[in-house]
N, C-alpha and C. Protein backbone atom coordinates (compact mmCIF):
# COMPACT_ATOMS: atom_id res chain seq x y z
N UNK A 1 119.87 -46.51 8.69
CA UNK A 1 119.05 -45.78 9.47
C UNK A 1 118.23 -44.85 8.67
N UNK A 2 118.26 -44.81 6.95
CA UNK A 2 117.46 -43.78 6.37
C UNK A 2 116.17 -43.82 6.61
N UNK A 3 115.48 -42.74 6.53
CA UNK A 3 114.06 -42.53 6.65
C UNK A 3 113.26 -42.76 7.88
N UNK A 4 112.18 -42.63 8.09
CA UNK A 4 111.39 -42.66 9.42
C UNK A 4 110.85 -44.30 9.49
N UNK A 5 110.96 -44.75 10.81
CA UNK A 5 110.56 -45.99 10.85
C UNK A 5 109.51 -45.86 11.74
N UNK A 6 108.38 -46.33 11.56
CA UNK A 6 107.18 -46.40 12.38
C UNK A 6 106.95 -47.77 12.81
N UNK A 7 106.53 -48.25 14.07
CA UNK A 7 105.96 -49.45 14.47
C UNK A 7 104.85 -49.65 14.24
N UNK A 8 104.46 -50.48 13.23
CA UNK A 8 102.91 -50.69 12.51
C UNK A 8 102.44 -52.02 13.10
N UNK A 9 101.47 -51.70 13.87
CA UNK A 9 100.81 -53.05 14.71
C UNK A 9 100.29 -53.92 13.49
N UNK A 10 99.63 -53.62 12.46
CA UNK A 10 99.15 -54.62 11.64
C UNK A 10 100.50 -55.42 10.92
N UNK A 11 101.56 -54.89 10.86
CA UNK A 11 102.81 -55.60 10.38
C UNK A 11 103.02 -56.59 11.43
N UNK A 12 102.89 -56.42 12.77
CA UNK A 12 103.47 -56.96 13.95
C UNK A 12 102.52 -58.19 13.92
N UNK A 13 101.09 -58.00 13.66
CA UNK A 13 100.16 -58.93 14.12
C UNK A 13 100.19 -59.92 12.97
N UNK A 14 100.37 -59.52 11.57
CA UNK A 14 100.09 -60.17 10.58
C UNK A 14 101.31 -61.16 10.03
N UNK A 15 102.55 -60.78 10.34
CA UNK A 15 103.67 -61.26 9.94
C UNK A 15 104.71 -61.73 11.19
N UNK A 16 104.35 -62.77 11.85
CA UNK A 16 105.19 -63.13 12.97
C UNK A 16 106.52 -63.45 12.69
N UNK A 17 107.06 -63.59 11.54
CA UNK A 17 108.35 -64.08 11.32
C UNK A 17 109.27 -63.12 10.88
N UNK A 18 108.77 -61.76 10.54
CA UNK A 18 109.38 -60.67 10.15
C UNK A 18 109.92 -59.84 11.27
N UNK A 19 111.12 -59.92 11.59
CA UNK A 19 111.56 -59.09 12.96
C UNK A 19 111.57 -57.64 12.61
N UNK A 20 111.73 -57.38 11.15
CA UNK A 20 111.98 -55.97 10.73
C UNK A 20 110.46 -55.29 10.19
N UNK A 21 109.38 -55.87 10.62
CA UNK A 21 108.02 -55.42 10.31
C UNK A 21 107.91 -53.93 10.70
N UNK A 22 107.28 -52.93 9.75
CA UNK A 22 107.14 -51.84 9.95
C UNK A 22 108.20 -50.98 9.59
N UNK A 23 109.26 -51.65 9.02
CA UNK A 23 110.60 -50.74 8.78
C UNK A 23 111.11 -50.99 7.45
N UNK A 24 110.53 -49.98 6.68
CA UNK A 24 111.00 -50.21 5.16
C UNK A 24 112.22 -50.63 4.66
N UNK A 25 113.29 -50.38 5.47
CA UNK A 25 114.55 -50.55 5.02
C UNK A 25 115.28 -51.91 5.77
N UNK A 26 114.32 -52.53 6.62
CA UNK A 26 114.70 -53.72 7.07
C UNK A 26 115.28 -53.76 8.41
N UNK A 27 115.48 -52.37 8.99
CA UNK A 27 116.38 -52.25 10.28
C UNK A 27 115.73 -51.02 11.06
N UNK A 28 115.60 -51.18 12.39
CA UNK A 28 115.31 -49.99 13.17
C UNK A 28 116.20 -49.05 13.38
N UNK A 29 116.05 -47.88 13.57
CA UNK A 29 116.85 -46.80 14.01
C UNK A 29 116.83 -46.72 15.56
N UNK A 30 118.32 -46.43 15.96
CA UNK A 30 118.56 -46.43 17.22
C UNK A 30 118.74 -45.16 17.69
N UNK A 31 118.51 -44.46 18.81
CA UNK A 31 119.06 -43.43 19.25
C UNK A 31 119.62 -43.49 20.79
N UNK A 32 120.94 -43.18 20.90
CA UNK A 32 121.69 -43.47 22.12
C UNK A 32 121.76 -42.60 22.88
N UNK A 33 120.96 -41.56 22.93
CA UNK A 33 120.94 -40.48 24.05
C UNK A 33 119.63 -40.51 24.57
N UNK A 34 119.62 -40.88 26.06
CA UNK A 34 118.16 -40.70 26.73
C UNK A 34 118.06 -39.22 27.03
N UNK A 35 116.72 -38.91 27.28
CA UNK A 35 116.48 -37.66 27.59
C UNK A 35 116.91 -37.30 29.02
N UNK A 36 117.77 -36.22 29.31
CA UNK A 36 118.31 -36.14 30.64
C UNK A 36 117.55 -35.08 31.44
N UNK A 37 117.00 -34.22 30.87
CA UNK A 37 116.29 -33.15 31.68
C UNK A 37 115.22 -33.71 32.73
N UNK A 38 115.40 -33.34 33.70
CA UNK A 38 114.41 -33.60 35.13
C UNK A 38 113.04 -32.98 34.67
N UNK A 39 112.70 -32.12 34.02
CA UNK A 39 111.54 -31.53 34.15
C UNK A 39 110.44 -32.41 33.35
N UNK A 40 110.62 -33.19 32.53
CA UNK A 40 109.80 -34.14 32.14
C UNK A 40 109.55 -35.39 32.90
N UNK A 41 110.39 -35.61 33.86
CA UNK A 41 110.58 -37.15 34.68
C UNK A 41 109.11 -37.18 35.14
N UNK A 42 108.39 -36.36 35.78
CA UNK A 42 107.17 -36.51 36.33
C UNK A 42 106.12 -36.96 35.30
N UNK A 43 105.97 -36.33 34.13
CA UNK A 43 105.09 -36.79 33.22
C UNK A 43 105.20 -38.32 33.06
N UNK A 44 106.44 -38.61 32.82
CA UNK A 44 106.76 -40.00 32.38
C UNK A 44 106.43 -40.79 33.53
N UNK A 45 106.57 -40.45 34.66
CA UNK A 45 106.13 -41.48 35.74
C UNK A 45 104.65 -41.65 35.83
N UNK A 46 104.01 -40.35 35.64
CA UNK A 46 102.43 -40.35 35.70
C UNK A 46 101.96 -41.07 34.65
N UNK A 47 102.34 -41.07 33.49
CA UNK A 47 101.74 -41.70 32.21
C UNK A 47 102.06 -43.24 32.25
N UNK A 48 103.37 -43.59 32.88
CA UNK A 48 103.63 -44.99 33.17
C UNK A 48 102.72 -45.74 34.07
N UNK A 49 102.44 -44.77 35.06
CA UNK A 49 101.36 -45.29 36.31
C UNK A 49 100.05 -45.61 35.54
N UNK A 50 99.62 -44.58 34.67
CA UNK A 50 98.43 -44.83 34.02
C UNK A 50 98.46 -45.95 33.23
N UNK A 51 99.35 -46.44 32.56
CA UNK A 51 99.57 -47.80 31.95
C UNK A 51 99.12 -48.88 32.62
N UNK A 52 99.59 -49.00 34.15
CA UNK A 52 99.18 -49.76 35.02
C UNK A 52 97.76 -49.60 35.78
N UNK A 53 97.64 -48.50 35.92
CA UNK A 53 96.32 -48.01 36.73
C UNK A 53 95.40 -47.10 35.99
N UNK A 54 94.81 -47.60 35.18
CA UNK A 54 93.99 -46.75 34.04
C UNK A 54 93.03 -45.78 34.74
N UNK A 55 92.74 -45.68 35.86
CA UNK A 55 91.94 -44.74 36.36
C UNK A 55 92.73 -43.52 36.89
N UNK A 56 94.00 -43.24 36.63
CA UNK A 56 95.04 -42.30 37.07
C UNK A 56 94.47 -41.23 36.15
N UNK A 57 94.64 -39.99 36.71
CA UNK A 57 94.41 -38.90 35.97
C UNK A 57 95.63 -37.94 35.79
N UNK A 58 95.94 -37.15 34.58
CA UNK A 58 97.11 -36.48 34.40
C UNK A 58 96.67 -35.16 34.47
N UNK A 59 97.53 -34.51 35.62
CA UNK A 59 97.27 -32.93 35.78
C UNK A 59 97.27 -32.17 34.30
N UNK A 60 98.35 -32.46 33.46
CA UNK A 60 98.28 -31.56 32.24
C UNK A 60 97.00 -31.91 31.34
N UNK A 61 96.68 -33.05 31.30
CA UNK A 61 95.52 -33.68 30.41
C UNK A 61 94.05 -32.89 30.82
N UNK A 62 93.90 -32.81 32.22
CA UNK A 62 92.85 -32.37 32.88
C UNK A 62 92.66 -30.73 32.94
N UNK A 63 93.87 -30.02 32.77
CA UNK A 63 93.83 -28.84 32.52
C UNK A 63 93.33 -28.38 31.20
N UNK A 64 94.12 -29.07 30.23
CA UNK A 64 93.80 -28.66 28.74
C UNK A 64 92.63 -29.08 28.42
N UNK A 65 91.71 -30.24 28.97
CA UNK A 65 90.55 -30.61 28.72
C UNK A 65 89.43 -29.74 29.51
N UNK A 66 90.01 -28.71 30.42
CA UNK A 66 88.92 -27.94 31.01
C UNK A 66 87.99 -27.24 30.29
N UNK A 67 88.46 -26.69 29.08
CA UNK A 67 87.69 -25.70 28.12
C UNK A 67 86.40 -26.36 27.74
N UNK A 68 86.17 -27.55 27.33
CA UNK A 68 85.07 -28.03 26.62
C UNK A 68 83.85 -28.30 28.05
N UNK A 69 84.59 -28.84 28.88
CA UNK A 69 83.47 -28.90 30.04
C UNK A 69 83.14 -27.98 30.57
N UNK A 70 84.07 -27.04 30.82
CA UNK A 70 83.30 -25.58 31.03
C UNK A 70 82.18 -25.01 30.39
N UNK A 71 82.06 -25.42 29.05
CA UNK A 71 80.82 -24.92 28.49
C UNK A 71 79.76 -25.80 28.62
N UNK A 72 79.84 -26.85 29.28
CA UNK A 72 78.89 -27.85 29.44
C UNK A 72 78.85 -28.87 28.57
N UNK A 73 79.36 -28.72 27.34
CA UNK A 73 79.28 -29.84 26.32
C UNK A 73 80.49 -30.70 26.33
N UNK A 74 80.45 -32.11 26.61
CA UNK A 74 81.63 -32.98 26.53
C UNK A 74 81.87 -33.42 25.24
N UNK A 75 83.18 -33.62 24.96
CA UNK A 75 83.66 -34.00 23.64
C UNK A 75 82.79 -35.61 23.26
N UNK A 76 82.91 -35.68 21.95
CA UNK A 76 82.33 -36.92 21.47
C UNK A 76 83.40 -38.02 21.76
N UNK A 77 82.90 -39.14 22.11
CA UNK A 77 83.84 -40.13 22.18
C UNK A 77 84.39 -40.60 20.95
N UNK A 78 85.71 -41.33 20.93
CA UNK A 78 86.30 -41.31 19.92
C UNK A 78 85.85 -42.86 19.46
N UNK A 79 85.57 -43.32 18.38
CA UNK A 79 85.17 -44.64 17.81
C UNK A 79 86.59 -45.66 18.27
N UNK A 80 86.13 -46.76 18.90
CA UNK A 80 87.40 -47.87 19.15
C UNK A 80 88.34 -47.76 17.96
N UNK A 81 87.56 -48.14 16.83
CA UNK A 81 88.34 -48.46 15.46
C UNK A 81 89.04 -47.08 15.33
N UNK A 82 88.98 -46.14 15.59
CA UNK A 82 89.45 -44.82 15.26
C UNK A 82 90.71 -44.83 16.35
N UNK A 83 90.60 -45.11 17.50
CA UNK A 83 91.34 -44.89 18.61
C UNK A 83 92.37 -46.04 18.30
N UNK A 84 92.15 -47.35 17.77
CA UNK A 84 93.05 -48.09 17.47
C UNK A 84 94.19 -47.98 16.45
N UNK A 85 93.37 -47.32 15.43
CA UNK A 85 94.38 -46.78 14.25
C UNK A 85 95.32 -45.61 14.60
N UNK A 86 94.75 -44.63 15.63
CA UNK A 86 95.59 -43.57 16.31
C UNK A 86 96.87 -43.96 16.95
N UNK A 87 96.56 -45.39 17.73
CA UNK A 87 97.50 -45.76 18.69
C UNK A 87 98.63 -46.76 17.91
N UNK A 88 97.95 -47.34 16.84
CA UNK A 88 98.83 -48.28 16.37
C UNK A 88 100.35 -48.05 15.90
N UNK A 89 100.72 -46.86 15.36
CA UNK A 89 101.74 -46.59 15.19
C UNK A 89 102.67 -46.53 16.50
N UNK A 90 102.43 -46.30 17.48
CA UNK A 90 103.16 -45.86 18.68
C UNK A 90 102.98 -47.12 19.81
N UNK A 91 102.00 -47.79 19.74
CA UNK A 91 101.52 -48.74 21.03
C UNK A 91 102.79 -49.72 21.33
N UNK A 92 103.82 -50.06 20.45
CA UNK A 92 104.84 -50.84 20.79
C UNK A 92 106.18 -49.79 21.11
N UNK A 93 105.90 -48.59 21.38
CA UNK A 93 107.08 -47.81 21.52
C UNK A 93 107.25 -48.17 23.07
N UNK A 94 108.63 -48.10 23.51
CA UNK A 94 109.15 -48.35 24.93
C UNK A 94 108.12 -47.11 25.70
N UNK A 95 107.74 -47.53 26.84
CA UNK A 95 106.86 -46.81 27.77
C UNK A 95 107.32 -45.39 27.89
N UNK A 96 108.65 -45.03 28.10
CA UNK A 96 108.92 -43.78 28.32
C UNK A 96 108.47 -42.63 26.93
N UNK A 97 109.06 -43.44 25.63
CA UNK A 97 109.08 -42.73 24.65
C UNK A 97 107.34 -42.57 24.23
N UNK A 98 106.53 -43.61 24.61
CA UNK A 98 105.14 -43.52 24.36
C UNK A 98 104.86 -42.43 25.16
N UNK A 99 105.10 -42.20 26.58
CA UNK A 99 104.50 -41.14 27.41
C UNK A 99 104.89 -39.80 26.86
N UNK A 100 106.08 -39.73 26.20
CA UNK A 100 106.61 -38.34 25.57
C UNK A 100 105.91 -38.06 24.38
N UNK A 101 105.39 -39.15 23.77
CA UNK A 101 104.88 -38.82 22.53
C UNK A 101 103.36 -38.33 22.47
N UNK A 102 102.65 -39.13 23.37
CA UNK A 102 101.13 -38.78 23.70
C UNK A 102 101.40 -37.36 24.38
N UNK A 103 102.11 -36.89 25.29
CA UNK A 103 102.20 -35.78 25.86
C UNK A 103 102.21 -34.54 24.83
N UNK A 104 103.19 -34.93 23.96
CA UNK A 104 103.86 -33.96 22.87
C UNK A 104 102.70 -33.62 21.85
N UNK A 105 101.82 -34.61 21.51
CA UNK A 105 100.71 -34.61 20.71
C UNK A 105 99.79 -33.52 21.13
N UNK A 106 99.59 -33.23 22.48
CA UNK A 106 98.79 -32.18 22.66
C UNK A 106 99.10 -30.86 22.51
N UNK A 107 100.51 -30.72 22.03
CA UNK A 107 101.13 -29.48 21.58
C UNK A 107 101.47 -29.48 20.38
N UNK A 108 100.66 -29.53 19.31
CA UNK A 108 101.15 -29.50 17.58
C UNK A 108 101.83 -28.44 17.26
N UNK A 109 101.63 -27.34 17.54
CA UNK A 109 102.34 -26.20 17.43
C UNK A 109 103.72 -26.19 17.84
N UNK A 110 103.91 -26.67 19.01
CA UNK A 110 105.60 -26.90 19.41
C UNK A 110 106.18 -27.90 18.85
N UNK A 111 105.27 -29.06 18.29
CA UNK A 111 105.94 -30.18 17.66
C UNK A 111 106.62 -29.47 16.29
N UNK A 112 105.75 -28.73 15.54
CA UNK A 112 105.98 -28.16 14.34
C UNK A 112 107.21 -27.33 14.27
N UNK A 113 107.42 -26.40 15.52
CA UNK A 113 108.51 -25.64 15.89
C UNK A 113 109.68 -26.46 16.21
N UNK A 114 109.47 -27.51 16.73
CA UNK A 114 110.76 -28.17 17.38
C UNK A 114 111.29 -29.12 15.89
N UNK A 115 110.37 -29.73 15.44
CA UNK A 115 110.76 -30.44 14.07
C UNK A 115 111.61 -29.53 13.26
N UNK A 116 111.05 -28.39 12.77
CA UNK A 116 112.00 -27.41 12.17
C UNK A 116 113.37 -26.95 12.63
N UNK A 117 113.20 -26.76 13.85
CA UNK A 117 114.57 -26.55 14.63
C UNK A 117 115.42 -27.60 14.52
N UNK A 118 115.14 -28.92 14.71
CA UNK A 118 116.16 -30.02 14.68
C UNK A 118 116.36 -30.14 13.45
N UNK A 119 115.64 -30.10 12.54
CA UNK A 119 115.85 -30.15 10.81
C UNK A 119 117.17 -29.07 10.53
N UNK A 120 116.89 -27.79 11.20
CA UNK A 120 117.74 -26.89 10.80
C UNK A 120 119.04 -26.66 11.47
N UNK A 121 119.08 -27.55 12.58
CA UNK A 121 120.18 -27.68 13.61
C UNK A 121 120.79 -29.16 13.63
N UNK A 122 121.05 -29.81 12.56
CA UNK A 122 121.36 -31.28 12.71
C UNK A 122 122.75 -31.45 13.24
N UNK A 123 123.78 -30.47 13.56
CA UNK A 123 124.84 -30.29 14.03
C UNK A 123 124.64 -30.42 15.74
N UNK A 124 123.73 -29.77 16.25
CA UNK A 124 123.77 -30.05 17.40
C UNK A 124 123.30 -31.17 18.18
N UNK A 125 124.36 -31.83 19.00
CA UNK A 125 123.81 -33.08 19.57
C UNK A 125 124.14 -32.93 21.24
N UNK A 126 123.76 -34.14 21.69
CA UNK A 126 123.99 -34.17 23.24
C UNK A 126 123.47 -33.19 23.76
N UNK A 127 124.50 -32.47 24.58
CA UNK A 127 124.33 -31.57 25.94
C UNK A 127 124.30 -30.17 25.02
N UNK A 128 124.81 -30.08 23.97
CA UNK A 128 124.40 -28.66 23.20
C UNK A 128 122.81 -28.91 22.72
N UNK A 129 122.39 -29.82 22.51
CA UNK A 129 120.92 -29.76 21.95
C UNK A 129 120.17 -29.49 23.08
N UNK A 130 120.48 -30.25 24.09
CA UNK A 130 119.70 -30.06 25.23
C UNK A 130 119.75 -28.61 25.79
N UNK A 131 120.60 -27.93 26.07
CA UNK A 131 121.03 -26.63 26.10
C UNK A 131 120.03 -25.61 25.41
N UNK A 132 120.18 -25.89 24.09
CA UNK A 132 119.45 -25.06 23.23
C UNK A 132 118.06 -25.18 23.23
N UNK A 133 117.35 -26.50 23.26
CA UNK A 133 116.04 -26.67 23.49
C UNK A 133 115.50 -26.12 24.73
N UNK A 134 116.14 -26.18 25.78
CA UNK A 134 115.55 -25.73 27.10
C UNK A 134 115.27 -24.00 26.97
N UNK A 135 116.10 -23.38 26.04
CA UNK A 135 116.03 -22.05 25.75
C UNK A 135 114.43 -21.81 25.17
N UNK A 136 113.84 -22.75 24.54
CA UNK A 136 112.94 -22.55 23.63
C UNK A 136 111.45 -22.55 24.62
N UNK A 137 110.58 -21.91 24.30
CA UNK A 137 109.30 -22.13 25.05
C UNK A 137 108.39 -23.09 24.65
N UNK A 138 108.85 -24.38 24.61
CA UNK A 138 107.96 -25.52 24.16
C UNK A 138 107.66 -26.16 25.59
N UNK A 139 106.57 -27.20 25.24
CA UNK A 139 106.24 -27.99 26.50
C UNK A 139 107.49 -28.86 26.84
N UNK A 140 107.88 -29.38 27.99
CA UNK A 140 108.82 -30.30 28.28
C UNK A 140 108.76 -31.61 27.44
N UNK A 141 107.49 -32.03 27.21
CA UNK A 141 107.42 -33.13 26.45
C UNK A 141 108.07 -32.85 25.02
N UNK A 142 107.68 -31.82 24.58
CA UNK A 142 108.21 -31.82 23.17
C UNK A 142 109.78 -31.61 23.19
N UNK A 143 110.49 -30.90 24.15
CA UNK A 143 111.82 -30.64 24.31
C UNK A 143 112.33 -31.85 24.39
N UNK A 144 111.55 -32.95 25.08
CA UNK A 144 112.37 -34.47 25.11
C UNK A 144 112.33 -35.10 23.92
N UNK A 145 111.52 -34.74 23.00
CA UNK A 145 111.59 -35.51 21.66
C UNK A 145 112.62 -35.02 20.73
N UNK A 146 113.32 -33.82 21.05
CA UNK A 146 114.43 -33.58 20.04
C UNK A 146 115.60 -34.65 20.21
N UNK A 147 115.35 -35.43 21.35
CA UNK A 147 116.32 -36.63 21.30
C UNK A 147 116.08 -37.65 20.41
N UNK A 148 114.69 -37.53 19.68
CA UNK A 148 114.18 -38.57 18.86
C UNK A 148 113.66 -37.98 17.71
N UNK A 149 114.47 -37.43 16.63
CA UNK A 149 114.36 -36.57 15.53
C UNK A 149 113.36 -37.39 14.59
N UNK A 150 113.42 -38.70 14.59
CA UNK A 150 112.39 -39.42 13.60
C UNK A 150 111.25 -39.53 14.11
N UNK A 151 110.86 -39.51 15.42
CA UNK A 151 109.63 -39.20 16.02
C UNK A 151 108.87 -37.89 15.75
N UNK A 152 109.76 -36.85 16.10
CA UNK A 152 109.18 -35.67 15.82
C UNK A 152 108.93 -35.29 14.32
N UNK A 153 109.57 -35.95 13.30
CA UNK A 153 109.56 -35.93 12.08
C UNK A 153 108.30 -36.32 11.76
N UNK A 154 107.88 -37.70 12.13
CA UNK A 154 106.72 -38.35 11.82
C UNK A 154 105.57 -37.40 12.47
N UNK A 155 105.53 -36.89 13.36
CA UNK A 155 104.44 -35.99 14.00
C UNK A 155 104.35 -34.98 13.21
N UNK A 156 105.45 -34.31 12.67
CA UNK A 156 105.28 -33.19 11.78
C UNK A 156 104.69 -33.49 10.53
N UNK A 157 105.23 -34.50 9.85
CA UNK A 157 104.76 -34.97 8.67
C UNK A 157 103.02 -35.09 8.67
N UNK A 158 102.95 -35.95 9.94
CA UNK A 158 101.39 -36.59 9.83
C UNK A 158 100.82 -35.43 10.89
N UNK A 159 100.55 -34.23 10.75
CA UNK A 159 100.15 -33.33 11.63
C UNK A 159 98.82 -33.50 11.95
N UNK A 160 97.98 -34.08 11.19
CA UNK A 160 96.65 -34.29 11.62
C UNK A 160 96.16 -35.16 12.24
N UNK A 161 97.14 -36.63 12.01
CA UNK A 161 97.36 -37.50 13.26
C UNK A 161 97.78 -37.05 14.47
N UNK A 162 98.78 -36.13 14.37
CA UNK A 162 99.10 -35.69 15.85
C UNK A 162 98.14 -35.06 16.67
N UNK A 163 97.32 -34.20 15.73
CA UNK A 163 96.60 -33.51 16.44
C UNK A 163 95.24 -34.19 17.15
N UNK A 164 95.05 -35.25 16.13
CA UNK A 164 93.85 -36.07 16.53
C UNK A 164 94.23 -37.01 17.91
N UNK A 165 95.47 -37.46 17.80
CA UNK A 165 96.12 -38.44 18.82
C UNK A 165 95.95 -37.45 19.94
N UNK A 166 96.51 -36.26 19.99
CA UNK A 166 96.61 -35.32 21.23
C UNK A 166 95.13 -34.97 22.00
N UNK A 167 94.21 -34.72 20.79
CA UNK A 167 92.66 -34.59 21.18
C UNK A 167 92.28 -35.96 22.08
N UNK A 168 92.56 -37.20 21.44
CA UNK A 168 92.08 -38.30 22.04
C UNK A 168 92.69 -38.41 23.44
N UNK A 169 93.75 -38.13 23.45
CA UNK A 169 94.47 -38.39 24.90
C UNK A 169 93.90 -37.41 25.93
N UNK A 170 93.71 -36.19 25.53
CA UNK A 170 93.13 -35.23 26.44
C UNK A 170 91.79 -35.48 26.92
N UNK A 171 91.01 -36.10 26.00
CA UNK A 171 89.70 -36.35 26.14
C UNK A 171 89.51 -37.70 26.86
N UNK A 172 90.07 -38.64 26.59
CA UNK A 172 90.07 -40.06 27.10
C UNK A 172 91.25 -40.75 27.32
N UNK A 173 91.81 -40.35 28.58
CA UNK A 173 93.09 -40.84 28.81
C UNK A 173 92.84 -42.37 29.20
N UNK A 174 91.91 -42.77 29.92
CA UNK A 174 91.79 -44.17 30.45
C UNK A 174 91.78 -44.91 29.10
N UNK A 175 90.90 -44.51 28.05
CA UNK A 175 90.67 -45.57 27.17
C UNK A 175 91.99 -45.66 26.04
N UNK A 176 92.65 -44.63 26.07
CA UNK A 176 93.95 -44.53 25.33
C UNK A 176 94.78 -45.61 26.07
N UNK A 177 95.09 -45.29 27.25
CA UNK A 177 95.94 -46.63 27.93
C UNK A 177 95.39 -47.85 27.92
N UNK A 178 94.13 -48.04 27.94
CA UNK A 178 93.32 -49.52 27.74
C UNK A 178 93.76 -49.98 26.21
N UNK A 179 93.67 -49.21 25.35
CA UNK A 179 93.86 -49.54 23.87
C UNK A 179 95.35 -49.70 23.84
N UNK A 180 96.25 -49.02 24.17
CA UNK A 180 97.43 -49.43 23.97
C UNK A 180 97.74 -50.90 24.80
N UNK A 181 97.22 -51.25 25.88
CA UNK A 181 97.39 -52.37 26.36
C UNK A 181 96.82 -53.47 25.43
N UNK A 182 95.57 -53.23 25.01
CA UNK A 182 95.05 -54.07 23.87
C UNK A 182 95.80 -54.48 22.61
N UNK A 183 96.44 -53.26 22.18
CA UNK A 183 97.35 -53.53 21.00
C UNK A 183 98.56 -54.35 21.15
N UNK A 184 98.95 -54.20 22.41
CA UNK A 184 100.13 -54.84 22.99
C UNK A 184 100.01 -56.30 23.20
N UNK A 185 98.71 -56.61 23.88
CA UNK A 185 98.33 -57.87 23.96
C UNK A 185 98.21 -58.69 22.72
N UNK A 186 97.60 -58.15 21.80
CA UNK A 186 97.28 -58.83 20.33
C UNK A 186 98.56 -59.10 19.67
N UNK A 187 99.68 -58.13 20.10
CA UNK A 187 100.96 -58.38 19.31
C UNK A 187 101.84 -59.63 20.13
N UNK A 188 101.39 -59.61 21.44
CA UNK A 188 102.20 -60.79 22.09
C UNK A 188 101.48 -61.86 21.82
N UNK A 189 100.26 -62.07 21.84
CA UNK A 189 99.64 -63.24 21.43
C UNK A 189 99.87 -63.69 19.93
N UNK A 190 100.52 -62.79 19.26
CA UNK A 190 100.57 -63.36 17.79
C UNK A 190 102.09 -63.81 17.71
N UNK A 191 102.78 -63.59 18.89
CA UNK A 191 104.05 -63.82 18.95
C UNK A 191 105.05 -62.88 18.49
N UNK A 192 104.73 -61.64 18.30
CA UNK A 192 105.50 -60.34 17.82
C UNK A 192 105.94 -59.44 18.77
N UNK A 193 105.77 -59.69 20.12
CA UNK A 193 106.03 -58.81 21.04
C UNK A 193 106.86 -59.72 22.18
N UNK A 194 107.96 -59.49 22.32
CA UNK A 194 108.90 -60.43 23.02
C UNK A 194 110.13 -59.64 23.41
N UNK A 195 110.76 -60.24 24.48
CA UNK A 195 112.11 -59.37 24.88
C UNK A 195 113.14 -59.64 23.81
N UNK A 196 113.91 -58.74 23.45
CA UNK A 196 114.94 -59.02 22.36
C UNK A 196 116.16 -58.16 22.58
N UNK A 197 117.04 -58.07 22.01
CA UNK A 197 118.25 -57.19 21.91
C UNK A 197 118.08 -55.76 22.01
N UNK A 198 116.60 -55.40 21.70
CA UNK A 198 116.22 -53.94 21.51
C UNK A 198 115.39 -53.53 22.72
N UNK A 199 114.69 -54.41 23.00
CA UNK A 199 113.57 -54.18 24.05
C UNK A 199 113.46 -55.09 25.13
N UNK A 200 112.70 -54.74 26.32
CA UNK A 200 112.54 -55.81 27.47
C UNK A 200 111.23 -55.68 27.95
N UNK A 201 110.43 -56.75 27.68
CA UNK A 201 109.15 -56.86 27.76
C UNK A 201 108.57 -57.54 29.05
N UNK A 202 107.91 -56.74 29.76
CA UNK A 202 107.74 -57.44 31.12
C UNK A 202 106.25 -57.33 31.22
N UNK A 203 105.71 -58.54 31.73
CA UNK A 203 104.09 -58.57 31.94
C UNK A 203 103.82 -58.69 33.55
N UNK A 204 102.99 -57.69 33.98
CA UNK A 204 102.40 -57.64 35.37
C UNK A 204 101.14 -57.87 35.37
N UNK A 205 100.64 -59.20 35.66
CA UNK A 205 99.19 -59.38 35.69
C UNK A 205 98.82 -59.36 34.00
N UNK A 206 98.00 -58.19 33.72
CA UNK A 206 97.40 -58.16 32.38
C UNK A 206 98.18 -56.95 31.68
N UNK A 207 98.98 -56.31 32.67
CA UNK A 207 99.59 -55.04 32.00
C UNK A 207 100.89 -55.50 31.36
N UNK A 208 101.25 -54.94 30.18
CA UNK A 208 102.49 -55.20 29.69
C UNK A 208 103.31 -53.66 29.43
N UNK A 209 104.60 -53.96 29.86
CA UNK A 209 105.26 -52.86 30.03
C UNK A 209 106.40 -53.17 29.04
N UNK A 210 107.02 -52.15 28.21
CA UNK A 210 108.09 -52.34 27.37
C UNK A 210 109.13 -51.30 27.82
N UNK A 211 110.29 -51.72 28.03
CA UNK A 211 111.48 -50.80 28.23
C UNK A 211 112.65 -51.02 27.42
N UNK A 212 113.36 -50.09 27.14
CA UNK A 212 114.70 -50.46 26.20
C UNK A 212 115.44 -51.56 26.92
N UNK A 213 116.19 -52.25 26.18
CA UNK A 213 117.13 -53.38 26.70
C UNK A 213 118.09 -52.80 27.36
N UNK A 214 118.84 -51.69 26.90
CA UNK A 214 119.75 -50.84 27.12
C UNK A 214 119.22 -49.55 27.56
N UNK A 215 119.31 -49.11 28.71
CA UNK A 215 118.81 -47.80 29.12
C UNK A 215 119.24 -46.74 28.11
N UNK A 216 120.44 -46.69 27.54
CA UNK A 216 120.73 -45.56 26.63
C UNK A 216 120.76 -45.54 25.35
N UNK A 217 119.93 -46.77 25.10
CA UNK A 217 119.55 -47.04 23.56
C UNK A 217 118.26 -47.20 23.24
N UNK A 218 117.55 -46.45 22.55
CA UNK A 218 115.99 -46.61 22.23
C UNK A 218 115.80 -46.92 20.81
N UNK A 219 115.12 -47.82 20.47
CA UNK A 219 114.85 -48.34 19.06
C UNK A 219 113.63 -47.71 18.63
N UNK A 220 113.26 -46.99 17.50
CA UNK A 220 112.28 -46.56 16.89
C UNK A 220 111.97 -46.90 15.61
């Protein structure tokens, strides 16, 4: 389990035979604790809905992006190549974790604080960790990622990427969701995205849904 493991789209597409693509030590890390707090259940449902119905708007994102629109200047559209590169590391995450990551990226300062807290309190586990983070004034999406310390570490170490991902999500939720689906479709077409012992892949028309094969175990 040593080190940070990122799901890298280029590895999935280029190397259909390597089940450990994107994982330097040849194994995925597994997290056996789901996020129990109810406070972020709604955001996960909203984003999951957005994965299937790309016209869905997210209340949090609309509120965050209200500033630029109030000045009359719309943010510049993110080039598709840039959007692809921003989303490639997380596009194959299970939908719930993807949702939490996208929302948390809009709170980079909370991410930094949470990553530092988790690193300094490695002995906190399970309910004790849940209780501790609920006392923090972090967004619920960031609180939820304390169950996935490797994801938090990645976001903290690659803070510029995190900020750009959050900005893209706030500005263009529909394109973000469409890009995730496009990347998943490419991985599936290359034979690199299929149900396994780790994940369950469900296809509904052109929409690809990814879920943990076991509800209480998430591989990242």
